[in-house]
Amino acid sequence: MQRTFLLSKIHQCVLTAANLSYIGSISVDEILLSAAGILPYEQVQVVNVSNGERLITYAISAPAGSGEIQLNGAAARLGVPGDRLIIMTYAQLTAEELKTFSPTVVLVDEQNHLRQVHRYKDLLETLPVIDNVRA
């Protein structure tokens, strides 16, 4: 049996633009896509922390180092520049794959430049253990 798990995310990036005229998708700085292991045209879920909106679309590359995060097409109605977003991908994994799996978390600065790349396993290991379960 396979189950769906978080594969990677770009956490708390800042929406830089919204373009209703574009055909669709979300444009993301190529450096951030690479750091998160997100491929061009891969499905992503976008959560707008500022207004609670959620959408599923696909990622396209914006120029490397530009810091660009742009909602395009109909998705452009779901955010305004300055909103905080989380961009996530998921994967279908087996119980065997889970034994060595750890999601990637990309952290950015205020201009959406790469700050750090973590593996969730590393972050979870710092949480306290309560009744044999990490809090």
C-alpha atoms as a PDB file:
ATOM      1  CA  MET A   1       0.000   0.000   0.000  1.00  0.00           C
ATOM      2  CA  GLN A   2       1.167   3.517  -0.735  1.00  0.00           C
ATOM      3  CA  ARG A   3       0.230   6.584   1.272  1.00  0.00           C
ATOM      4  CA  THR A   4       0.688  10.274   0.443  1.00  0.00           C
ATOM      5  CA  PHE A   5       3.313  12.282   2.341  1.00  0.00           C
ATOM      6  CA  LEU A   6       4.868  15.733   2.150  1.00  0.00           C
ATOM      7  CA  LEU A   7       7.843  15.540  -0.217  1.00  0.00           C
ATOM      8  CA  SER A   8       9.111  19.119  -0.031  1.00  0.00           C
ATOM      9  CA  LYS A   9       8.065  22.667   0.700  1.00  0.00           C
ATOM     10  CA  ILE A  10       9.209  26.232   0.268  1.00  0.00           C
ATOM     11  CA  HIS A  11       8.146  27.733   3.584  1.00  0.00           C
ATOM     12  CA  GLN A  12       6.855  31.274   4.143  1.00  0.00           C
ATOM     13  CA  CYS A  13       7.984  32.779   0.836  1.00  0.00           C
ATOM     14  CA  VAL A  14       6.619  36.182  -0.161  1.00  0.00           C
ATOM     15  CA  LEU A  15       4.309  36.600  -3.159  1.00  0.00           C
ATOM     16  CA  THR A  16       5.970  39.170  -5.434  1.00  0.00           C
ATOM     17  CA  ALA A  17       3.344  39.476  -8.196  1.00  0.00           C
ATOM     18  CA  ALA A  18       0.029  38.228  -9.540  1.00  0.00           C
ATOM     19  CA  ASN A  19      -0.627  38.130 -13.309  1.00  0.00           C
ATOM     20  CA  LEU A  20      -4.210  37.431 -14.391  1.00  0.00           C
ATOM     21  CA  SER A  21      -3.249  37.492 -18.071  1.00  0.00           C
ATOM     22  CA  TYR A  22      -0.808  34.589 -17.853  1.00  0.00           C
ATOM     23  CA  ILE A  23      -2.138  31.169 -18.914  1.00  0.00           C
ATOM     24  CA  GLY A  24      -1.723  29.658 -15.436  1.00  0.00           C
ATOM     25  CA  SER A  25       0.563  28.231 -12.765  1.00  0.00           C
ATOM     26  CA  ILE A  26       2.938  29.701 -10.194  1.00  0.00           C
ATOM     27  CA  SER A  27       6.334  31.095 -11.187  1.00  0.00           C
ATOM     28  CA  VAL A  28       9.066  30.344  -8.649  1.00  0.00           C
ATOM     29  CA  ASP A  29      12.721  31.390  -8.572  1.00  0.00           C
ATOM     30  CA  GLU A  30      14.651  28.520 -10.194  1.00  0.00           C
ATOM     31  CA  ILE A  31      17.084  28.337  -7.261  1.00  0.00           C
ATOM     32  CA  LEU A  32      14.216  27.670  -4.835  1.00  0.00           C
ATOM     33  CA  LEU A  33      12.657  25.048  -7.115  1.00  0.00           C
ATOM     34  CA  SER A  34      15.993  23.247  -7.333  1.00  0.00           C
ATOM     35  CA  ALA A  35      16.611  23.426  -3.573  1.00  0.00           C
ATOM     36  CA  ALA A  36      13.168  21.916  -2.930  1.00  0.00           C
ATOM     37  CA  GLY A  37      13.558  19.311  -5.667  1.00  0.00           C
ATOM     38  CA  ILE A  38      10.489  20.652  -7.496  1.00  0.00           C
ATOM     39  CA  LEU A  39      10.597  20.135 -11.258  1.00  0.00           C
ATOM     40  CA  PRO A  40       9.135  22.546 -13.824  1.00  0.00           C
ATOM     41  CA  TYR A  41       5.488  21.635 -14.519  1.00  0.00           C
ATOM     42  CA  GLU A  42       5.282  19.499 -11.367  1.00  0.00           C
ATOM     43  CA  GLN A  43       2.030  19.717  -9.428  1.00  0.00           C
ATOM     44  CA  VAL A  44       2.228  21.866  -6.296  1.00  0.00           C
ATOM     45  CA  GLN A  45      -0.172  22.862  -3.564  1.00  0.00           C
ATOM     46  CA  VAL A  46       0.004  26.531  -2.627  1.00  0.00           C
ATOM     47  CA  VAL A  47      -1.234  27.702   0.763  1.00  0.00           C
ATOM     48  CA  ASN A  48      -1.649  31.426   1.278  1.00  0.00           C
ATOM     49  CA  VAL A  49      -0.838  31.981   4.957  1.00  0.00           C
ATOM     50  CA  SER A  50      -2.051  35.588   4.751  1.00  0.00           C
ATOM     51  CA  ASN A  51      -5.633  34.834   3.667  1.00  0.00           C
ATOM     52  CA  GLY A  52      -6.133  31.073   4.081  1.00  0.00           C
ATOM     53  CA  GLU A  53      -6.610  30.320   0.355  1.00  0.00           C
ATOM     54  CA  ARG A  54      -5.353  26.982  -0.981  1.00  0.00           C
ATOM     55  CA  LEU A  55      -4.880  25.911  -4.570  1.00  0.00           C
ATOM     56  CA  ILE A  56      -3.325  23.191  -6.672  1.00  0.00           C
ATOM     57  CA  THR A  57      -1.420  24.218  -9.788  1.00  0.00           C
ATOM     58  CA  TYR A  58       1.963  23.523 -11.385  1.00  0.00           C
ATOM     59  CA  ALA A  59       5.296  25.235 -10.931  1.00  0.00           C
ATOM     60  CA  ILE A  60       7.271  26.994 -13.644  1.00  0.00           C
ATOM     61  CA  SER A  61      10.776  28.423 -13.362  1.00  0.00           C
ATOM     62  CA  ALA A  62      11.342  32.113 -12.799  1.00  0.00           C
ATOM     63  CA  PRO A  63      14.851  33.505 -13.385  1.00  0.00           C
ATOM     64  CA  ALA A  64      17.440  32.157 -10.948  1.00  0.00           C
ATOM     65  CA  GLY A  65      18.208  34.608  -8.151  1.00  0.00           C
ATOM     66  CA  SER A  66      15.225  36.830  -8.992  1.00  0.00           C
ATOM     67  CA  GLY A  67      13.306  35.989  -5.814  1.00  0.00           C
ATOM     68  CA  GLU A  68      10.183  35.872  -7.971  1.00  0.00           C
ATOM     69  CA  ILE A  69       7.090  34.110  -6.665  1.00  0.00           C
ATOM     70  CA  GLN A  70       4.162  34.960  -8.970  1.00  0.00           C
ATOM     71  CA  LEU A  71       0.626  33.576  -9.079  1.00  0.00           C
ATOM     72  CA  ASN A  72      -0.579  33.369 -12.672  1.00  0.00           C
ATOM     73  CA  GLY A  73      -3.954  33.086 -14.416  1.00  0.00           C
ATOM     74  CA  ALA A  74      -6.988  32.397 -12.241  1.00  0.00           C
ATOM     75  CA  ALA A  75      -4.717  31.729  -9.253  1.00  0.00           C
ATOM     76  CA  ALA A  76      -3.717  35.410  -9.354  1.00  0.00           C
ATOM     77  CA  ARG A  77      -7.072  36.189  -7.703  1.00  0.00           C
ATOM     78  CA  LEU A  78      -6.033  34.214  -4.611  1.00  0.00           C
ATOM     79  CA  GLY A  79      -3.231  36.478  -3.401  1.00  0.00           C
ATOM     80  CA  VAL A  80      -1.719  39.927  -3.484  1.00  0.00           C
ATOM     81  CA  PRO A  81       1.965  40.890  -3.456  1.00  0.00           C
ATOM     82  CA  GLY A  82       3.302  40.696   0.071  1.00  0.00           C
ATOM     83  CA  ASP A  83       1.224  37.637   1.054  1.00  0.00           C
ATOM     84  CA  ARG A  84       3.125  34.775   2.694  1.00  0.00           C
ATOM     85  CA  LEU A  85       2.892  31.432   0.873  1.00  0.00           C
ATOM     86  CA  ILE A  86       3.877  27.818   1.460  1.00  0.00           C
ATOM     87  CA  ILE A  87       4.495  25.822  -1.733  1.00  0.00           C
ATOM     88  CA  MET A  88       4.352  22.043  -1.237  1.00  0.00           C
ATOM     89  CA  THR A  89       4.754  18.814  -3.182  1.00  0.00           C
ATOM     90  CA  TYR A  90       3.682  15.342  -2.124  1.00  0.00           C
ATOM     91  CA  ALA A  91       4.769  11.789  -2.925  1.00  0.00           C
ATOM     92  CA  GLN A  92       3.226   8.330  -2.790  1.00  0.00           C
ATOM     93  CA  LEU A  93       5.449   6.185  -0.577  1.00  0.00           C
ATOM     94  CA  THR A  94       5.438   2.600   0.614  1.00  0.00           C
ATOM     95  CA  ALA A  95       6.115   1.554   4.210  1.00  0.00           C
ATOM     96  CA  GLU A  96       9.588   0.449   3.116  1.00  0.00           C
ATOM     97  CA  GLU A  97      10.371   3.839   1.529  1.00  0.00           C
ATOM     98  CA  LEU A  98       9.254   5.617   4.698  1.00  0.00           C
ATOM     99  CA  LYS A  99      12.071   4.020   6.681  1.00  0.00           C
ATOM    100  CA  THR A 100      14.620   6.328   5.045  1.00  0.00           C
ATOM    101  CA  PHE A 101      12.378   9.172   3.882  1.00  0.00           C
ATOM    102  CA  SER A 102      12.626  12.745   5.098  1.00  0.00           C
ATOM    103  CA  PRO A 103      10.834  15.765   3.542  1.00  0.00           C
ATOM    104  CA  THR A 104      12.845  18.769   2.339  1.00  0.00           C
ATOM    105  CA  VAL A 105      12.093  22.188   3.851  1.00  0.00           C
ATOM    106  CA  VAL A 106      13.419  25.287   2.067  1.00  0.00           C
ATOM    107  CA  LEU A 107      13.625  28.477   4.128  1.00  0.00           C
ATOM    108  CA  VAL A 108      13.950  31.896   2.504  1.00  0.00           C
ATOM    109  CA  ASP A 109      14.658  35.463   3.563  1.00  0.00           C
ATOM    110  CA  GLU A 110      12.372  38.482   3.029  1.00  0.00           C
ATOM    111  CA  GLN A 111      13.440  38.741  -0.651  1.00  0.00           C
ATOM    112  CA  ASN A 112      12.840  35.003  -1.310  1.00  0.00           C
ATOM    113  CA  HIS A 113      16.535  34.244  -1.478  1.00  0.00           C
ATOM    114  CA  LEU A 114      17.603  30.821  -0.248  1.00  0.00           C
ATOM    115  CA  ARG A 115      18.499  30.881   3.427  1.00  0.00           C
ATOM    116  CA  GLN A 116      18.577  27.207   4.476  1.00  0.00           C
ATOM    117  CA  VAL A 117      17.563  23.738   3.362  1.00  0.00           C
ATOM    118  CA  HIS A 118      16.515  21.299   6.077  1.00  0.00           C
ATOM    119  CA  ARG A 119      15.254  17.760   6.181  1.00  0.00           C
ATOM    120  CA  TYR A 120      12.201  17.377   8.420  1.00  0.00           C
ATOM    121  CA  LYS A 121      13.770  14.373  10.082  1.00  0.00           C
ATOM    122  CA  ASP A 122      16.536  16.665  11.340  1.00  0.00           C
ATOM    123  CA  LEU A 123      13.984  19.167  12.645  1.00  0.00           C
ATOM    124  CA  LEU A 124      11.766  16.516  14.246  1.00  0.00           C
ATOM    125  CA  GLU A 125      14.705  15.034  16.134  1.00  0.00           C
ATOM    126  CA  THR A 126      14.926  18.264  18.151  1.00  0.00           C
ATOM    127  CA  LEU A 127      11.342  17.915  19.474  1.00  0.00           C
ATOM    128  CA  PRO A 128      10.733  16.259  22.854  1.00  0.00           C
ATOM    129  CA  VAL A 129       9.583  12.634  23.059  1.00  0.00           C
ATOM    130  CA  ILE A 130       6.328  12.148  24.999  1.00  0.00           C
ATOM    131  CA  ASP A 131       5.014   8.607  25.496  1.00  0.00           C
ATOM    132  CA  ASN A 132       7.360   7.308  22.745  1.00  0.00           C
ATOM    133  CA  VAL A 133       5.982   9.877  20.246  1.00  0.00           C
ATOM    134  CA  ARG A 134       7.686  13.083  19.135  1.00  0.00           C
ATOM    135  CA  ALA A 135       5.583  16.111  20.087  1.00  0.00           C
END
